[in-house]
C-alpha atoms as a PDB file:
ATOM      1  CA  UNK A   1      98.876  34.334  18.860  1.00  0.00           C
ATOM      2  CA  UNK A   2      98.864  32.910  22.558  1.00  0.00           C
ATOM      3  CA  UNK A   3      98.493  36.375  23.624  1.00  0.00           C
ATOM      4  CA  UNK A   4      96.151  37.703  21.437  1.00  0.00           C
ATOM      5  CA  UNK A   5      92.575  37.256  23.178  1.00  0.00           C
ATOM      6  CA  UNK A   6      90.804  36.662  20.595  1.00  0.00           C
ATOM      7  CA  UNK A   7      92.503  33.451  19.712  1.00  0.00           C
ATOM      8  CA  UNK A   8      91.297  32.161  23.306  1.00  0.00           C
ATOM      9  CA  UNK A   9      87.772  33.463  22.844  1.00  0.00           C
ATOM     10  CA  UNK A  10      87.950  31.606  20.120  1.00  0.00           C
ATOM     11  CA  UNK A  11      89.694  28.221  21.579  1.00  0.00           C
ATOM     12  CA  UNK A  12      87.022  28.634  24.623  1.00  0.00           C
ATOM     13  CA  UNK A  13      84.264  28.858  21.787  1.00  0.00           C
ATOM     14  CA  UNK A  14      85.417  25.783  20.453  1.00  0.00           C
ATOM     15  CA  UNK A  15      86.300  23.895  23.862  1.00  0.00           C
ATOM     16  CA  UNK A  16      82.725  25.248  25.193  1.00  0.00           C
ATOM     17  CA  UNK A  17      80.858  24.068  21.373  1.00  0.00           C
ATOM     18  CA  UNK A  18      82.928  20.378  22.017  1.00  0.00           C
ATOM     19  CA  UNK A  19      81.806  20.265  26.041  1.00  0.00           C
ATOM     20  CA  UNK A  20      78.192  20.963  24.503  1.00  0.00           C
ATOM     21  CA  UNK A  21      77.926  18.603  22.462  1.00  0.00           C
ATOM     22  CA  UNK A  22      79.323  15.735  24.221  1.00  0.00           C
ATOM     23  CA  UNK A  23      77.065  16.454  27.234  1.00  0.00           C
ATOM     24  CA  UNK A  24      74.257  17.857  25.133  1.00  0.00           C
ATOM     25  CA  UNK A  25      74.107  16.144  22.231  1.00  0.00           C
ATOM     26  CA  UNK A  26      72.322  13.370  23.947  1.00  0.00           C
ATOM     27  CA  UNK A  27      69.460  15.161  25.755  1.00  0.00           C
ATOM     28  CA  UNK A  28      68.699  17.076  22.718  1.00  0.00           C
ATOM     29  CA  UNK A  29      68.463  14.548  20.274  1.00  0.00           C
ATOM     30  CA  UNK A  30      66.623  12.367  23.003  1.00  0.00           C
ATOM     31  CA  UNK A  31      64.220  15.533  22.599  1.00  0.00           C
ATOM     32  CA  UNK A  32      64.366  15.110  19.465  1.00  0.00           C
ATOM     33  CA  UNK A  33      63.413  11.901  19.419  1.00  0.00           C
ATOM     34  CA  UNK A  34      60.780  11.772  21.658  1.00  0.00           C
ATOM     35  CA  UNK A  35      59.195  14.616  19.997  1.00  0.00           C
ATOM     36  CA  UNK A  36      59.248  12.563  16.358  1.00  0.00           C
ATOM     37  CA  UNK A  37      58.025  10.041  18.729  1.00  0.00           C
ATOM     38  CA  UNK A  38      55.405  11.767  19.680  1.00  0.00           C
ATOM     39  CA  UNK A  39      54.755  13.599  16.185  1.00  0.00           C
ATOM     40  CA  UNK A  40      54.895  10.088  14.710  1.00  0.00           C
ATOM     41  CA  UNK A  41      52.478   8.861  16.923  1.00  0.00           C
ATOM     42  CA  UNK A  42      50.039  11.685  16.204  1.00  0.00           C
ATOM     43  CA  UNK A  43      50.849  10.775  12.235  1.00  0.00           C
ATOM     44  CA  UNK A  44      49.678   7.250  13.261  1.00  0.00           C
ATOM     45  CA  UNK A  45      46.934   8.185  15.416  1.00  0.00           C
ATOM     46  CA  UNK A  46      45.743  11.169  12.606  1.00  0.00           C
ATOM     47  CA  UNK A  47      46.185   8.065   9.432  1.00  0.00           C
ATOM     48  CA  UNK A  48      43.992   5.729  12.052  1.00  0.00           C
ATOM     49  CA  UNK A  49      41.265   8.400  13.093  1.00  0.00           C
ATOM     50  CA  UNK A  50      40.760   9.194   8.801  1.00  0.00           C
ATOM     51  CA  UNK A  51      40.687   5.244   8.688  1.00  0.00           C
ATOM     52  CA  UNK A  52      38.189   5.169  10.792  1.00  0.00           C
ATOM     53  CA  UNK A  53      36.487   8.290   9.608  1.00  0.00           C
ATOM     54  CA  UNK A  54      36.331   6.192   6.115  1.00  0.00           C
ATOM     55  CA  UNK A  55      35.138   3.306   7.039  1.00  0.00           C
ATOM     56  CA  UNK A  56      32.587   5.029   9.568  1.00  0.00           C
ATOM     57  CA  UNK A  57      31.684   6.987   5.936  1.00  0.00           C
ATOM     58  CA  UNK A  58      31.913   4.158   3.906  1.00  0.00           C
ATOM     59  CA  UNK A  59      29.045   2.083   6.459  1.00  0.00           C
ATOM     60  CA  UNK A  60      27.015   5.229   6.241  1.00  0.00           C
ATOM     61  CA  UNK A  61      26.590   5.003   2.630  1.00  0.00           C
ATOM     62  CA  UNK A  62      25.731   1.715   2.685  1.00  0.00           C
ATOM     63  CA  UNK A  63      23.334   1.995   5.459  1.00  0.00           C
ATOM     64  CA  UNK A  64      21.978   4.842   3.495  1.00  0.00           C
ATOM     65  CA  UNK A  65      21.755   2.883  -0.480  1.00  0.00           C
ATOM     66  CA  UNK A  66      19.953   0.041   2.356  1.00  0.00           C
ATOM     67  CA  UNK A  67      17.726   2.037   3.298  1.00  0.00           C
ATOM     68  CA  UNK A  68      16.854   3.823   0.189  1.00  0.00           C
ATOM     69  CA  UNK A  69      16.210   0.226  -1.613  1.00  0.00           C
ATOM     70  CA  UNK A  70      14.200  -0.561   1.180  1.00  0.00           C
ATOM     71  CA  UNK A  71      12.334   2.817   1.169  1.00  0.00           C
ATOM     72  CA  UNK A  72      11.934   1.836  -2.277  1.00  0.00           C
ATOM     73  CA  UNK A  73      10.894  -1.469  -1.874  1.00  0.00           C
ATOM     74  CA  UNK A  74       8.466  -0.423   0.593  1.00  0.00           C
ATOM     75  CA  UNK A  75       6.554   1.745  -2.244  1.00  0.00           C
ATOM     76  CA  UNK A  76       6.430  -0.799  -4.655  1.00  0.00           C
ATOM     77  CA  UNK A  77       4.498  -3.327  -1.791  1.00  0.00           C
ATOM     78  CA  UNK A  78       2.264  -0.606  -1.258  1.00  0.00           C
ATOM     79  CA  UNK A  79       1.256   0.463  -4.808  1.00  0.00           C
ATOM     80  CA  UNK A  80       1.272  -3.118  -5.200  1.00  0.00           C
ATOM     81  CA  UNK A  81      -1.095  -3.840  -2.292  1.00  0.00           C
ATOM     82  CA  UNK A  82      -2.992  -0.504  -3.344  1.00  0.00           C
ATOM     83  CA  UNK A  83      -3.326  -1.490  -6.980  1.00  0.00           C
ATOM     84  CA  UNK A  84      -4.974  -5.147  -5.309  1.00  0.00           C
ATOM     85  CA  UNK A  85      -6.836  -2.723  -2.807  1.00  0.00           C
ATOM     86  CA  UNK A  86      -8.289  -1.424  -5.299  1.00  0.00           C
ATOM     87  CA  UNK A  87      -8.806  -4.562  -7.861  1.00  0.00           C
ATOM     88  CA  UNK A  88     -10.443  -6.132  -4.186  1.00  0.00           C
ATOM     89  CA  UNK A  89     -13.383  -3.267  -4.022  1.00  0.00           C
ATOM     90  CA  UNK A  90     -13.709  -2.501  -7.816  1.00  0.00           C
ATOM     91  CA  UNK A  91     -15.254  -6.174  -7.906  1.00  0.00           C
ATOM     92  CA  UNK A  92     -16.814  -6.213  -4.388  1.00  0.00           C
ATOM     93  CA  UNK A  93     -18.549  -2.682  -6.044  1.00  0.00           C
ATOM     94  CA  UNK A  94     -20.011  -4.813  -9.422  1.00  0.00           C
ATOM     95  CA  UNK A  95     -20.817  -7.824  -6.999  1.00  0.00           C
ATOM     96  CA  UNK A  96     -23.279  -5.465  -4.512  1.00  0.00           C
ATOM     97  CA  UNK A  97     -24.473  -3.492  -7.861  1.00  0.00           C
ATOM     98  CA  UNK A  98     -25.100  -7.184  -9.740  1.00  0.00           C
ATOM     99  CA  UNK A  99     -26.931  -8.290  -6.561  1.00  0.00           C
ATOM    100  CA  UNK A 100     -28.660  -4.580  -5.922  1.00  0.00           C
ATOM    101  CA  UNK A 101     -29.664  -5.153  -9.671  1.00  0.00           C
ATOM    102  CA  UNK A 102     -31.018  -9.034  -9.786  1.00  0.00           C
ATOM    103  CA  UNK A 103     -32.777  -8.203  -6.369  1.00  0.00           C
ATOM    104  CA  UNK A 104     -34.393  -4.431  -8.044  1.00  0.00           C
ATOM    105  CA  UNK A 105     -35.625  -6.995 -11.251  1.00  0.00           C
ATOM    106  CA  UNK A 106     -37.267  -9.604  -8.996  1.00  0.00           C
ATOM    107  CA  UNK A 107     -38.855  -7.007  -7.080  1.00  0.00           C
ATOM    108  CA  UNK A 108     -40.020  -5.408 -10.487  1.00  0.00           C
ATOM    109  CA  UNK A 109     -40.927  -8.927 -11.719  1.00  0.00           C
ATOM    110  CA  UNK A 110     -43.055  -9.041  -8.576  1.00  0.00           C
ATOM    111  CA  UNK A 111     -44.698  -6.125  -8.812  1.00  0.00           C
ATOM    112  CA  UNK A 112     -45.756  -6.846 -12.680  1.00  0.00           C
ATOM    113  CA  UNK A 113     -46.740 -10.523 -11.640  1.00  0.00           C
ATOM    114  CA  UNK A 114     -48.600  -8.858  -8.557  1.00  0.00           C
ATOM    115  CA  UNK A 115     -49.868  -6.136 -10.790  1.00  0.00           C
ATOM    116  CA  UNK A 116     -51.525  -8.749 -13.500  1.00  0.00           C
ATOM    117  CA  UNK A 117     -52.493 -10.976 -11.251  1.00  0.00           C
ATOM    118  CA  UNK A 118     -54.412  -7.505  -9.761  1.00  0.00           C
ATOM    119  CA  UNK A 119     -55.443  -6.738 -13.218  1.00  0.00           C
ATOM    120  CA  UNK A 120     -56.315 -10.002 -13.745  1.00  0.00           C
ATOM    121  CA  UNK A 121     -59.202 -10.470 -10.822  1.00  0.00           C
ATOM    122  CA  UNK A 122     -60.428  -7.143 -10.861  1.00  0.00           C
ATOM    123  CA  UNK A 123     -61.064  -8.301 -14.419  1.00  0.00           C
ATOM    124  CA  UNK A 124     -62.827 -11.486 -13.378  1.00  0.00           C
ATOM    125  CA  UNK A 125     -64.954  -9.678 -10.565  1.00  0.00           C
ATOM    126  CA  UNK A 126     -65.844  -6.827 -13.347  1.00  0.00           C
ATOM    127  CA  UNK A 127     -66.943  -9.749 -15.839  1.00  0.00           C
ATOM    128  CA  UNK A 128     -69.215 -11.759 -13.112  1.00  0.00           C
ATOM    129  CA  UNK A 129     -70.416  -8.215 -12.006  1.00  0.00           C
ATOM    130  CA  UNK A 130     -71.353  -7.469 -15.978  1.00  0.00           C
ATOM    131  CA  UNK A 131     -72.195 -11.058 -16.360  1.00  0.00           C
ATOM    132  CA  UNK A 132     -74.004 -11.128 -13.361  1.00  0.00           C
ATOM    133  CA  UNK A 133     -76.302  -7.917 -14.067  1.00  0.00           C
ATOM    134  CA  UNK A 134     -76.609  -9.167 -18.047  1.00  0.00           C
ATOM    135  CA  UNK A 135     -77.896 -12.598 -16.468  1.00  0.00           C
ATOM    136  CA  UNK A 136     -80.518 -10.652 -14.476  1.00  0.00           C
ATOM    137  CA  UNK A 137     -81.831  -8.862 -17.357  1.00  0.00           C
ATOM    138  CA  UNK A 138     -81.942 -10.772 -20.299  1.00  0.00           C
ATOM    139  CA  UNK A 139     -82.903 -14.730 -18.933  1.00  0.00           C
ATOM    140  CA  UNK A 140     -85.658 -15.726 -18.852  1.00  0.00           C
ATOM    141  CA  UNK A 141     -87.005 -18.669 -16.450  1.00  0.00           C
ATOM    142  CA  UNK A 142     -88.049 -21.371 -19.146  1.00  0.00           C
ATOM    143  CA  UNK A 143     -85.473 -20.389 -21.745  1.00  0.00           C
ATOM    144  CA  UNK A 144     -82.931 -21.269 -18.643  1.00  0.00           C
ATOM    145  CA  UNK A 145     -85.283 -24.738 -18.681  1.00  0.00           C
ATOM    146  CA  UNK A 146     -84.361 -25.370 -22.451  1.00  0.00           C
ATOM    147  CA  UNK A 147     -80.385 -24.476 -22.544  1.00  0.00           C
ATOM    148  CA  UNK A 148     -80.186 -27.264 -19.431  1.00  0.00           C
ATOM    149  CA  UNK A 149     -82.174 -29.284 -21.506  1.00  0.00           C
ATOM    150  CA  UNK A 150     -79.846 -29.039 -24.996  1.00  0.00           C
ATOM    151  CA  UNK A 151     -77.232 -29.107 -22.728  1.00  0.00           C
ATOM    152  CA  UNK A 152     -77.522 -32.522 -21.151  1.00  0.00           C
ATOM    153  CA  UNK A 153     -78.657 -34.362 -24.318  1.00  0.00           C
ATOM    154  CA  UNK A 154     -75.218 -31.996 -26.038  1.00  0.00           C
ATOM    155  CA  UNK A 155     -73.334 -33.636 -22.747  1.00  0.00           C
ATOM    156  CA  UNK A 156     -73.623 -37.349 -24.506  1.00  0.00           C
ATOM    157  CA  UNK A 157     -72.189 -36.368 -27.503  1.00  0.00           C
ATOM    158  CA  UNK A 158     -69.464 -34.377 -26.411  1.00  0.00           C
ATOM    159  CA  UNK A 159     -67.817 -37.180 -23.747  1.00  0.00           C
ATOM    160  CA  UNK A 160     -68.230 -39.622 -26.180  1.00  0.00           C
END
């Protein structure tokens, strides 16, 4: 067995492996440990980034909800103000129409009064003209004196 080259190759291999284990074990393990640490730190960084992304997503969702709520409030306020403006415009229109109606009725009343006054004045003028014509055609001076005398006599009785 000591003369067998296979035996010596096996012994050399075992010694080589022992030396390798003894000398290379620390650098290999240190390299593996460093790689494991690097992978662990990358995983920790990935976990931290994932948590930050989840926080950012939650924040954006909250902001989106807040913005939607604010938009709904703005829309409700706008509808309310539009309703108020519509009511105010309606009231203003009613007031303007009522004022115009009163003004129109006053103008109509003034026109009626003026027309009545014009008709009366014209009737008085026509009556005076007719009376003057009748008096000039039908009055007798002797008869006028008799009528004046009769009116004077009746005046005393009418005053008492």
